[in-house]
Amino acid sequence: KARNAPMLLTRTPYNADDMTSHAESAQMESILQGYDNEADIIVKGGY
C-alpha cells in the first residue's frame, strides 16, 4: 500500500536477487531479513 514513500537504495556486488529473497515468505520483513538489510527499520518505516 505504498504511497508517497521514500526509497532506501543499496548498491552491491553481492547479488541483489539474494539480498531481497532471504526467505520464501508473504512478509516483506522476512524476505529482507539477512545480509546488509536493516529489515526492521525498512518495514516499520514504510520504506
All heavy atoms as atom14 arrays in JSON, in Angstrom:
{
  "sequence": "KARNAPMLLTRTPYNADDMTSHAESAQMESILQGYDNEADIIVKGGY",
  "atom14_mask": [
    [1, 1, 1, 1, 1, 1, 1, 1, 1, 0, 0, 0, 0, 0],
    [1, 1, 1, 1, 1, 0, 0, 0, 0, 0, 0, 0, 0, 0],
    [1, 1, 1, 1, 1, 1, 1, 1, 1, 1, 1, 0, 0, 0],
    [1, 1, 1, 1, 1, 1, 1, 1, 0, 0, 0, 0, 0, 0],
    [1, 1, 1, 1, 1, 0, 0, 0, 0, 0, 0, 0, 0, 0],
    [1, 1, 1, 1, 1, 1, 1, 0, 0, 0, 0, 0, 0, 0],
    [1, 1, 1, 1, 1, 1, 1, 1, 0, 0, 0, 0, 0, 0],
    [1, 1, 1, 1, 1, 1, 1, 1, 0, 0, 0, 0, 0, 0],
    [1, 1, 1, 1, 1, 1, 1, 1, 0, 0, 0, 0, 0, 0],
    [1, 1, 1, 1, 1, 1, 1, 0, 0, 0, 0, 0, 0, 0],
    [1, 1, 1, 1, 1, 1, 1, 1, 1, 1, 1, 0, 0, 0],
    [1, 1, 1, 1, 1, 1, 1, 0, 0, 0, 0, 0, 0, 0],
    [1, 1, 1, 1, 1, 1, 1, 0, 0, 0, 0, 0, 0, 0],
    [1, 1, 1, 1, 1, 1, 1, 1, 1, 1, 1, 1, 0, 0],
    [1, 1, 1, 1, 1, 1, 1, 1, 0, 0, 0, 0, 0, 0],
    [1, 1, 1, 1, 1, 0, 0, 0, 0, 0, 0, 0, 0, 0],
    [1, 1, 1, 1, 1, 1, 1, 1, 0, 0, 0, 0, 0, 0],
    [1, 1, 1, 1, 1, 1, 1, 1, 0, 0, 0, 0, 0, 0],
    [1, 1, 1, 1, 1, 1, 1, 1, 0, 0, 0, 0, 0, 0],
    [1, 1, 1, 1, 1, 1, 1, 0, 0, 0, 0, 0, 0, 0],
    [1, 1, 1, 1, 1, 1, 0, 0, 0, 0, 0, 0, 0, 0],
    [1, 1, 1, 1, 1, 1, 1, 1, 1, 1, 0, 0, 0, 0],
    [1, 1, 1, 1, 1, 0, 0, 0, 0, 0, 0, 0, 0, 0],
    [1, 1, 1, 1, 1, 1, 1, 1, 1, 0, 0, 0, 0, 0],
    [1, 1, 1, 1, 1, 1, 0, 0, 0, 0, 0, 0, 0, 0],
    [1, 1, 1, 1, 1, 0, 0, 0, 0, 0, 0, 0, 0, 0],
    [1, 1, 1, 1, 1, 1, 1, 1, 1, 0, 0, 0, 0, 0],
    [1, 1, 1, 1, 1, 1, 1, 1, 0, 0, 0, 0, 0, 0],
    [1, 1, 1, 1, 1, 1, 1, 1, 1, 0, 0, 0, 0, 0],
    [1, 1, 1, 1, 1, 1, 0, 0, 0, 0, 0, 0, 0, 0],
    [1, 1, 1, 1, 1, 1, 1, 1, 0, 0, 0, 0, 0, 0],
    [1, 1, 1, 1, 1, 1, 1, 1, 0, 0, 0, 0, 0, 0],
    [1, 1, 1, 1, 1, 1, 1, 1, 1, 0, 0, 0, 0, 0],
    [1, 1, 1, 1, 0, 0, 0, 0, 0, 0, 0, 0, 0, 0],
    [1, 1, 1, 1, 1, 1, 1, 1, 1, 1, 1, 1, 0, 0],
    [1, 1, 1, 1, 1, 1, 1, 1, 0, 0, 0, 0, 0, 0],
    [1, 1, 1, 1, 1, 1, 1, 1, 0, 0, 0, 0, 0, 0],
    [1, 1, 1, 1, 1, 1, 1, 1, 1, 0, 0, 0, 0, 0],
    [1, 1, 1, 1, 1, 0, 0, 0, 0, 0, 0, 0, 0, 0],
    [1, 1, 1, 1, 1, 1, 1, 1, 0, 0, 0, 0, 0, 0],
    [1, 1, 1, 1, 1, 1, 1, 1, 0, 0, 0, 0, 0, 0],
    [1, 1, 1, 1, 1, 1, 1, 1, 0, 0, 0, 0, 0, 0],
    [1, 1, 1, 1, 1, 1, 1, 0, 0, 0, 0, 0, 0, 0],
    [1, 1, 1, 1, 1, 1, 1, 1, 1, 0, 0, 0, 0, 0],
    [1, 1, 1, 1, 0, 0, 0, 0, 0, 0, 0, 0, 0, 0],
    [1, 1, 1, 1, 0, 0, 0, 0, 0, 0, 0, 0, 0, 0],
    [1, 1, 1, 1, 1, 1, 1, 1, 1, 1, 1, 1, 0, 0]
  ],
  "atom14_positions": [
    [[0.82, -1.21, 0.0], [0.0, 0.0, 0.0], [0.86, 1.27, 0.0], [0.41, 2.32, 0.45], [-0.93, -0.01, 1.2], [-1.93, -1.17, 1.18], [-2.86, -1.12, 2.39], [-3.85, -2.28, 2.37], [-4.76, -2.24, 3.54], [0.0, 0.0, 0.0], [0.0, 0.0, 0.0], [0.0, 0.0, 0.0], [0.0, 0.0, 0.0], [0.0, 0.0, 0.0]],
    [[2.07, 1.15, -0.53], [2.97, 2.31, -0.51], [2.4, 3.47, -1.3], [1.94, 3.32, -2.43], [4.33, 1.91, -1.08], [0.0, 0.0, 0.0], [0.0, 0.0, 0.0], [0.0, 0.0, 0.0], [0.0, 0.0, 0.0], [0.0, 0.0, 0.0], [0.0, 0.0, 0.0], [0.0, 0.0, 0.0], [0.0, 0.0, 0.0], [0.0, 0.0, 0.0]],
    [[2.44, 4.64, -0.68], [2.05, 5.88, -1.33], [2.96, 6.98, -0.79], [3.1, 7.14, 0.41], [0.59, 6.25, -1.03], [-0.44, 5.25, -1.56], [-0.5, 5.25, -3.1], [-1.55, 4.34, -3.58], [-1.4, 3.05, -3.8], [-0.21, 2.49, -3.55], [-2.38, 2.3, -4.23], [0.0, 0.0, 0.0], [0.0, 0.0, 0.0], [0.0, 0.0, 0.0]],
    [[3.58, 7.73, -1.68], [4.45, 8.82, -1.27], [5.54, 8.34, -0.3], [5.89, 9.02, 0.66], [3.62, 9.95, -0.61], [4.36, 11.27, -0.62], [5.0, 11.63, -1.61], [4.26, 12.01, 0.47], [0.0, 0.0, 0.0], [0.0, 0.0, 0.0], [0.0, 0.0, 0.0], [0.0, 0.0, 0.0], [0.0, 0.0, 0.0], [0.0, 0.0, 0.0]],
    [[6.07, 7.16, -0.58], [7.06, 6.55, 0.31], [8.48, 6.84, -0.16], [8.75, 6.87, -1.37], [6.84, 5.04, 0.37], [0.0, 0.0, 0.0], [0.0, 0.0, 0.0], [0.0, 0.0, 0.0], [0.0, 0.0, 0.0], [0.0, 0.0, 0.0], [0.0, 0.0, 0.0], [0.0, 0.0, 0.0], [0.0, 0.0, 0.0], [0.0, 0.0, 0.0]],
    [[9.4, 7.04, 0.77], [10.8, 7.25, 0.38], [11.46, 5.93, 0.0], [11.0, 4.84, 0.37], [11.43, 7.84, 1.64], [10.59, 7.33, 2.76], [9.2, 7.17, 2.22], [0.0, 0.0, 0.0], [0.0, 0.0, 0.0], [0.0, 0.0, 0.0], [0.0, 0.0, 0.0], [0.0, 0.0, 0.0], [0.0, 0.0, 0.0], [0.0, 0.0, 0.0]],
    [[12.56, 6.03, -0.72], [13.29, 4.85, -1.2], [14.63, 4.74, -0.49], [15.32, 5.74, -0.3], [13.5, 4.94, -2.72], [12.2, 4.85, -3.51], [12.44, 5.12, -5.3], [12.52, 6.92, -5.34], [0.0, 0.0, 0.0], [0.0, 0.0, 0.0], [0.0, 0.0, 0.0], [0.0, 0.0, 0.0], [0.0, 0.0, 0.0], [0.0, 0.0, 0.0]],
    [[14.99, 3.51, -0.14], [16.26, 3.25, 0.5], [17.05, 2.3, -0.4], [16.69, 1.14, -0.58], [16.04, 2.62, 1.88], [17.18, 2.77, 2.9], [17.56, 4.22, 3.09], [16.77, 2.15, 4.23], [0.0, 0.0, 0.0], [0.0, 0.0, 0.0], [0.0, 0.0, 0.0], [0.0, 0.0, 0.0], [0.0, 0.0, 0.0], [0.0, 0.0, 0.0]],
    [[18.14, 2.82, -0.97], [18.92, 2.14, -2.01], [20.21, 1.55, -1.45], [20.92, 2.21, -0.68], [19.25, 3.15, -3.12], [20.31, 2.75, -4.16], [19.81, 1.6, -5.03], [20.68, 3.96, -5.03], [0.0, 0.0, 0.0], [0.0, 0.0, 0.0], [0.0, 0.0, 0.0], [0.0, 0.0, 0.0], [0.0, 0.0, 0.0], [0.0, 0.0, 0.0]],
    [[20.5, 0.33, -1.85], [21.81, -0.28, -1.62], [22.34, -0.77, -2.96], [21.64, -1.49, -3.68], [21.73, -1.47, -0.64], [21.38, -0.98, 0.65], [23.08, -2.19, -0.55], [0.0, 0.0, 0.0], [0.0, 0.0, 0.0], [0.0, 0.0, 0.0], [0.0, 0.0, 0.0], [0.0, 0.0, 0.0], [0.0, 0.0, 0.0], [0.0, 0.0, 0.0]],
    [[23.53, -0.36, -3.3], [24.21, -0.86, -4.49], [25.24, -1.88, -4.02], [25.95, -1.65, -3.04], [24.86, 0.29, -5.27], [23.88, 1.4, -5.61], [24.47, 2.45, -6.56], [24.79, 1.84, -7.84], [26.02, 1.67, -8.3], [27.07, 2.08, -7.59], [26.24, 1.09, -9.46], [0.0, 0.0, 0.0], [0.0, 0.0, 0.0], [0.0, 0.0, 0.0]],
    [[25.34, -3.02, -4.71], [26.11, -4.12, -4.14], [26.75, -4.99, -5.21], [26.2, -5.13, -6.31], [25.18, -5.0, -3.27], [25.94, -6.06, -2.68], [24.06, -5.61, -4.11], [0.0, 0.0, 0.0], [0.0, 0.0, 0.0], [0.0, 0.0, 0.0], [0.0, 0.0, 0.0], [0.0, 0.0, 0.0], [0.0, 0.0, 0.0], [0.0, 0.0, 0.0]],
    [[27.89, -5.61, -4.9], [28.45, -6.65, -5.77], [28.05, -8.06, -5.3], [28.58, -9.04, -5.78], [29.95, -6.44, -5.62], [30.09, -6.02, -4.19], [28.86, -5.21, -3.87], [0.0, 0.0, 0.0], [0.0, 0.0, 0.0], [0.0, 0.0, 0.0], [0.0, 0.0, 0.0], [0.0, 0.0, 0.0], [0.0, 0.0, 0.0], [0.0, 0.0, 0.0]],
    [[27.09, -8.15, -4.34], [26.81, -9.41, -3.66], [25.46, -10.04, -3.99], [24.97, -10.83, -3.19], [26.94, -9.21, -2.15], [28.3, -8.75, -1.71], [28.46, -7.69, -0.83], [29.45, -9.36, -2.21], [29.72, -7.27, -0.43], [30.71, -8.93, -1.82], [30.84, -7.89, -0.94], [32.09, -7.46, -0.55], [0.0, 0.0, 0.0], [0.0, 0.0, 0.0]],
    [[24.87, -9.69, -5.13], [23.66, -10.36, -5.63], [22.37, -9.75, -5.08], [21.88, -10.14, -4.0], [23.7, -11.86, -5.36], [22.68, -12.62, -6.21], [21.72, -12.05, -6.73], [22.9, -13.91, -6.37], [0.0, 0.0, 0.0], [0.0, 0.0, 0.0], [0.0, 0.0, 0.0], [0.0, 0.0, 0.0], [0.0, 0.0, 0.0], [0.0, 0.0, 0.0]],
    [[21.81, -8.84, -5.84], [20.58, -8.16, -5.45], [19.42, -9.13, -5.28], [18.57, -8.96, -4.4], [20.23, -7.09, -6.48], [0.0, 0.0, 0.0], [0.0, 0.0, 0.0], [0.0, 0.0, 0.0], [0.0, 0.0, 0.0], [0.0, 0.0, 0.0], [0.0, 0.0, 0.0], [0.0, 0.0, 0.0], [0.0, 0.0, 0.0], [0.0, 0.0, 0.0]],
    [[19.35, -10.15, -6.13], [18.26, -11.13, -6.01], [18.32, -11.85, -4.66], [17.3, -12.0, -3.98], [18.33, -12.14, -7.15], [17.89, -11.56, -8.49], [17.1, -10.59, -8.49], [18.35, -12.06, -9.53], [0.0, 0.0, 0.0], [0.0, 0.0, 0.0], [0.0, 0.0, 0.0], [0.0, 0.0, 0.0], [0.0, 0.0, 0.0], [0.0, 0.0, 0.0]],
    [[19.5, -12.3, -4.27], [19.64, -12.98, -2.99], [19.34, -12.06, -1.82], [18.72, -12.47, -0.83], [21.05, -13.54, -2.85], [21.26, -14.83, -3.62], [20.29, -15.31, -4.26], [22.39, -15.35, -3.62], [0.0, 0.0, 0.0], [0.0, 0.0, 0.0], [0.0, 0.0, 0.0], [0.0, 0.0, 0.0], [0.0, 0.0, 0.0], [0.0, 0.0, 0.0]],
    [[19.76, -10.82, -1.91], [19.57, -9.89, -0.8], [18.12, -9.49, -0.6], [17.76, -8.95, 0.46], [20.44, -8.65, -1.0], [21.92, -8.91, -0.78], [22.97, -7.48, -1.15], [22.33, -6.26, 0.0], [0.0, 0.0, 0.0], [0.0, 0.0, 0.0], [0.0, 0.0, 0.0], [0.0, 0.0, 0.0], [0.0, 0.0, 0.0], [0.0, 0.0, 0.0]],
    [[17.29, -9.76, -1.58], [15.86, -9.46, -1.45], [15.02, -10.74, -1.46], [13.82, -10.69, -1.68], [15.4, -8.54, -2.59], [15.79, -9.12, -3.86], [16.02, -7.16, -2.46], [0.0, 0.0, 0.0], [0.0, 0.0, 0.0], [0.0, 0.0, 0.0], [0.0, 0.0, 0.0], [0.0, 0.0, 0.0], [0.0, 0.0, 0.0], [0.0, 0.0, 0.0]],
    [[15.67, -11.87, -1.19], [14.96, -13.16, -1.17], [15.54, -14.06, -0.08], [15.86, -15.22, -0.32], [15.08, -13.85, -2.54], [14.62, -13.03, -3.58], [0.0, 0.0, 0.0], [0.0, 0.0, 0.0], [0.0, 0.0, 0.0], [0.0, 0.0, 0.0], [0.0, 0.0, 0.0], [0.0, 0.0, 0.0], [0.0, 0.0, 0.0], [0.0, 0.0, 0.0]],
    [[15.67, -13.52, 1.12], [16.25, -14.3, 2.21], [15.31, -15.38, 2.72], [15.74, -16.28, 3.45], [16.67, -13.38, 3.36], [17.9, -12.59, 3.06], [19.15, -13.15, 2.96], [18.08, -11.26, 2.81], [20.06, -12.21, 2.7], [19.43, -11.06, 2.6], [0.0, 0.0, 0.0], [0.0, 0.0, 0.0], [0.0, 0.0, 0.0], [0.0, 0.0, 0.0]],
    [[14.04, -15.3, 2.36], [13.07, -16.32, 2.77], [11.95, -16.36, 1.73], [11.7, -15.38, 1.02], [12.49, -16.0, 4.15], [0.0, 0.0, 0.0], [0.0, 0.0, 0.0], [0.0, 0.0, 0.0], [0.0, 0.0, 0.0], [0.0, 0.0, 0.0], [0.0, 0.0, 0.0], [0.0, 0.0, 0.0], [0.0, 0.0, 0.0], [0.0, 0.0, 0.0]],
    [[11.31, -17.51, 1.62], [10.1, -17.62, 0.8], [8.94, -17.25, 1.71], [8.47, -18.06, 2.51], [9.95, -19.05, 0.25], [11.07, -19.47, -0.68], [11.16, -18.61, -1.93], [10.11, -18.08, -2.36], [12.26, -18.47, -2.48], [0.0, 0.0, 0.0], [0.0, 0.0, 0.0], [0.0, 0.0, 0.0], [0.0, 0.0, 0.0], [0.0, 0.0, 0.0]],
    [[8.48, -16.03, 1.6], [7.51, -15.54, 2.57], [6.6, -14.48, 1.95], [6.98, -13.81, 0.99], [8.24, -14.93, 3.78], [7.34, -14.34, 4.69], [0.0, 0.0, 0.0], [0.0, 0.0, 0.0], [0.0, 0.0, 0.0], [0.0, 0.0, 0.0], [0.0, 0.0, 0.0], [0.0, 0.0, 0.0], [0.0, 0.0, 0.0], [0.0, 0.0, 0.0]],
    [[5.44, -14.36, 2.54], [4.5, -13.31, 2.13], [4.77, -12.01, 2.85], [4.09, -11.0, 2.6], [3.06, -13.76, 2.41], [0.0, 0.0, 0.0], [0.0, 0.0, 0.0], [0.0, 0.0, 0.0], [0.0, 0.0, 0.0], [0.0, 0.0, 0.0], [0.0, 0.0, 0.0], [0.0, 0.0, 0.0], [0.0, 0.0, 0.0], [0.0, 0.0, 0.0]],
    [[5.77, -12.0, 3.76], [6.06, -10.82, 4.55], [7.35, -10.15, 4.07], [8.39, -10.8, 3.93], [6.2, -11.18, 6.03], [4.9, -11.7, 6.64], [5.06, -11.99, 8.13], [6.15, -12.32, 8.59], [3.96, -11.86, 8.86], [0.0, 0.0, 0.0], [0.0, 0.0, 0.0], [0.0, 0.0, 0.0], [0.0, 0.0, 0.0], [0.0, 0.0, 0.0]],
    [[7.29, -8.86, 3.89], [8.43, -8.09, 3.4], [9.6, -8.17, 4.38], [10.76, -8.32, 3.97], [8.01, -6.63, 3.2], [9.09, -5.73, 2.61], [8.4, -4.11, 2.19], [9.89, -3.23, 1.71], [0.0, 0.0, 0.0], [0.0, 0.0, 0.0], [0.0, 0.0, 0.0], [0.0, 0.0, 0.0], [0.0, 0.0, 0.0], [0.0, 0.0, 0.0]],
    [[9.34, -8.11, 5.66], [10.43, -8.15, 6.64], [11.18, -9.46, 6.59], [12.39, -9.52, 6.79], [9.9, -7.9, 8.05], [11.0, -7.76, 9.08], [10.52, -7.21, 10.41], [9.33, -6.86, 10.52], [11.35, -7.11, 11.33], [0.0, 0.0, 0.0], [0.0, 0.0, 0.0], [0.0, 0.0, 0.0], [0.0, 0.0, 0.0], [0.0, 0.0, 0.0]],
    [[10.47, -10.55, 6.28], [11.11, -11.87, 6.22], [12.04, -12.0, 5.03], [13.14, -12.53, 5.14], [10.05, -12.97, 6.19], [9.32, -13.01, 7.39], [0.0, 0.0, 0.0], [0.0, 0.0, 0.0], [0.0, 0.0, 0.0], [0.0, 0.0, 0.0], [0.0, 0.0, 0.0], [0.0, 0.0, 0.0], [0.0, 0.0, 0.0], [0.0, 0.0, 0.0]],
    [[11.63, -11.5, 3.87], [12.47, -11.66, 2.68], [13.7, -10.76, 2.74], [14.69, -11.0, 2.06], [11.68, -11.4, 1.38], [11.29, -9.93, 1.24], [10.47, -12.3, 1.28], [10.77, -9.57, -0.13], [0.0, 0.0, 0.0], [0.0, 0.0, 0.0], [0.0, 0.0, 0.0], [0.0, 0.0, 0.0], [0.0, 0.0, 0.0], [0.0, 0.0, 0.0]],
    [[13.65, -9.71, 3.6], [14.78, -8.8, 3.73], [15.63, -9.12, 4.96], [16.63, -8.44, 5.22], [14.29, -7.36, 3.83], [13.52, -6.81, 2.61], [13.08, -5.38, 2.87], [14.37, -6.89, 1.35], [0.0, 0.0, 0.0], [0.0, 0.0, 0.0], [0.0, 0.0, 0.0], [0.0, 0.0, 0.0], [0.0, 0.0, 0.0], [0.0, 0.0, 0.0]],
    [[15.28, -10.16, 5.71], [15.95, -10.46, 6.97], [17.26, -11.18, 6.71], [17.34, -12.4, 6.74], [15.05, -11.32, 7.86], [15.47, -11.36, 9.31], [15.25, -10.04, 10.02], [14.21, -9.43, 9.89], [16.24, -9.58, 10.77], [0.0, 0.0, 0.0], [0.0, 0.0, 0.0], [0.0, 0.0, 0.0], [0.0, 0.0, 0.0], [0.0, 0.0, 0.0]],
    [[18.32, -10.42, 6.43], [19.6, -11.02, 6.12], [20.64, -9.97, 5.84], [20.49, -8.8, 6.22], [0.0, 0.0, 0.0], [0.0, 0.0, 0.0], [0.0, 0.0, 0.0], [0.0, 0.0, 0.0], [0.0, 0.0, 0.0], [0.0, 0.0, 0.0], [0.0, 0.0, 0.0], [0.0, 0.0, 0.0], [0.0, 0.0, 0.0], [0.0, 0.0, 0.0]],
    [[21.69, -10.36, 5.15], [22.86, -9.52, 4.95], [22.52, -8.13, 4.42], [21.8, -7.97, 3.44], [23.84, -10.2, 3.96], [25.0, -9.31, 3.59], [26.05, -9.11, 4.48], [25.02, -8.63, 2.38], [27.1, -8.27, 4.18], [26.07, -7.78, 2.06], [27.1, -7.61, 2.96], [28.14, -6.76, 2.64], [0.0, 0.0, 0.0], [0.0, 0.0, 0.0]],
    [[23.06, -7.12, 5.11], [23.01, -5.72, 4.69], [21.61, -5.2, 4.46], [21.37, -4.35, 3.6], [23.87, -5.49, 3.44], [24.52, -4.11, 3.46], [24.48, -3.45, 4.51], [25.06, -3.69, 2.42], [0.0, 0.0, 0.0], [0.0, 0.0, 0.0], [0.0, 0.0, 0.0], [0.0, 0.0, 0.0], [0.0, 0.0, 0.0], [0.0, 0.0, 0.0]],
    [[20.66, -5.7, 5.21], [19.29, -5.18, 5.2], [18.9, -4.85, 6.63], [18.86, -5.74, 7.47], [18.31, -6.23, 4.65], [18.19, -6.19, 3.14], [18.0, -5.14, 2.55], [18.31, -7.34, 2.52], [0.0, 0.0, 0.0], [0.0, 0.0, 0.0], [0.0, 0.0, 0.0], [0.0, 0.0, 0.0], [0.0, 0.0, 0.0], [0.0, 0.0, 0.0]],
    [[18.62, -3.6, 6.9], [18.08, -3.24, 8.21], [16.57, -3.44, 8.12], [15.78, -2.49, 8.07], [18.44, -1.79, 8.56], [19.89, -1.41, 8.29], [20.88, -2.34, 8.97], [20.69, -2.68, 10.15], [21.86, -2.75, 8.31], [0.0, 0.0, 0.0], [0.0, 0.0, 0.0], [0.0, 0.0, 0.0], [0.0, 0.0, 0.0], [0.0, 0.0, 0.0]],
    [[16.16, -4.72, 8.07], [14.79, -5.07, 7.7], [13.76, -4.46, 8.63], [12.7, -4.0, 8.18], [14.64, -6.59, 7.68], [0.0, 0.0, 0.0], [0.0, 0.0, 0.0], [0.0, 0.0, 0.0], [0.0, 0.0, 0.0], [0.0, 0.0, 0.0], [0.0, 0.0, 0.0], [0.0, 0.0, 0.0], [0.0, 0.0, 0.0], [0.0, 0.0, 0.0]],
    [[14.03, -4.46, 9.93], [13.05, -3.92, 10.87], [12.8, -2.44, 10.63], [11.65, -1.97, 10.67], [13.48, -4.17, 12.31], [14.92, -3.77, 12.6], [15.66, -3.41, 11.65], [15.34, -3.82, 13.77], [0.0, 0.0, 0.0], [0.0, 0.0, 0.0], [0.0, 0.0, 0.0], [0.0, 0.0, 0.0], [0.0, 0.0, 0.0], [0.0, 0.0, 0.0]],
    [[13.85, -1.7, 10.35], [13.72, -0.26, 10.12], [13.03, 0.01, 8.78], [12.19, 0.9, 8.66], [15.1, 0.42, 10.17], [15.75, 0.19, 11.53], [15.0, 1.9, 9.83], [14.9, 0.62, 12.71], [0.0, 0.0, 0.0], [0.0, 0.0, 0.0], [0.0, 0.0, 0.0], [0.0, 0.0, 0.0], [0.0, 0.0, 0.0], [0.0, 0.0, 0.0]],
    [[13.38, -0.76, 7.76], [12.77, -0.57, 6.44], [11.28, -0.79, 6.5], [10.48, 0.02, 5.99], [13.42, -1.53, 5.42], [14.88, -1.15, 5.17], [12.64, -1.54, 4.11], [15.67, -2.18, 4.4], [0.0, 0.0, 0.0], [0.0, 0.0, 0.0], [0.0, 0.0, 0.0], [0.0, 0.0, 0.0], [0.0, 0.0, 0.0], [0.0, 0.0, 0.0]],
    [[10.85, -1.87, 7.14], [9.43, -2.21, 7.16], [8.66, -1.28, 8.09], [7.61, -0.75, 7.71], [9.24, -3.69, 7.56], [7.77, -4.01, 7.76], [9.85, -4.6, 6.5], [0.0, 0.0, 0.0], [0.0, 0.0, 0.0], [0.0, 0.0, 0.0], [0.0, 0.0, 0.0], [0.0, 0.0, 0.0], [0.0, 0.0, 0.0], [0.0, 0.0, 0.0]],
    [[9.16, -1.06, 9.29], [8.46, -0.18, 10.21], [8.38, 1.24, 9.68], [7.41, 1.97, 9.94], [9.17, -0.18, 11.57], [9.04, -1.5, 12.33], [9.85, -1.45, 13.61], [9.81, -2.79, 14.34], [10.66, -2.79, 15.56], [0.0, 0.0, 0.0], [0.0, 0.0, 0.0], [0.0, 0.0, 0.0], [0.0, 0.0, 0.0], [0.0, 0.0, 0.0]],
    [[9.39, 1.63, 8.94], [9.4, 2.99, 8.4], [8.63, 3.15, 7.11], [8.51, 4.27, 6.6], [0.0, 0.0, 0.0], [0.0, 0.0, 0.0], [0.0, 0.0, 0.0], [0.0, 0.0, 0.0], [0.0, 0.0, 0.0], [0.0, 0.0, 0.0], [0.0, 0.0, 0.0], [0.0, 0.0, 0.0], [0.0, 0.0, 0.0], [0.0, 0.0, 0.0]],
    [[8.12, 2.06, 6.56], [7.35, 2.15, 5.32], [8.19, 2.49, 4.11], [7.69, 3.09, 3.15], [0.0, 0.0, 0.0], [0.0, 0.0, 0.0], [0.0, 0.0, 0.0], [0.0, 0.0, 0.0], [0.0, 0.0, 0.0], [0.0, 0.0, 0.0], [0.0, 0.0, 0.0], [0.0, 0.0, 0.0], [0.0, 0.0, 0.0], [0.0, 0.0, 0.0]],
    [[9.45, 2.07, 4.12], [10.36, 2.41, 3.02], [10.21, 1.47, 1.83], [9.9, 0.29, 1.98], [11.81, 2.38, 3.5], [12.17, 3.57, 4.35], [12.03, 3.53, 5.74], [12.63, 4.74, 3.77], [12.34, 4.63, 6.52], [12.95, 5.85, 4.54], [12.79, 5.79, 5.91], [13.1, 6.89, 6.68], [0.0, 0.0, 0.0], [0.0, 0.0, 0.0]]
  ]
}
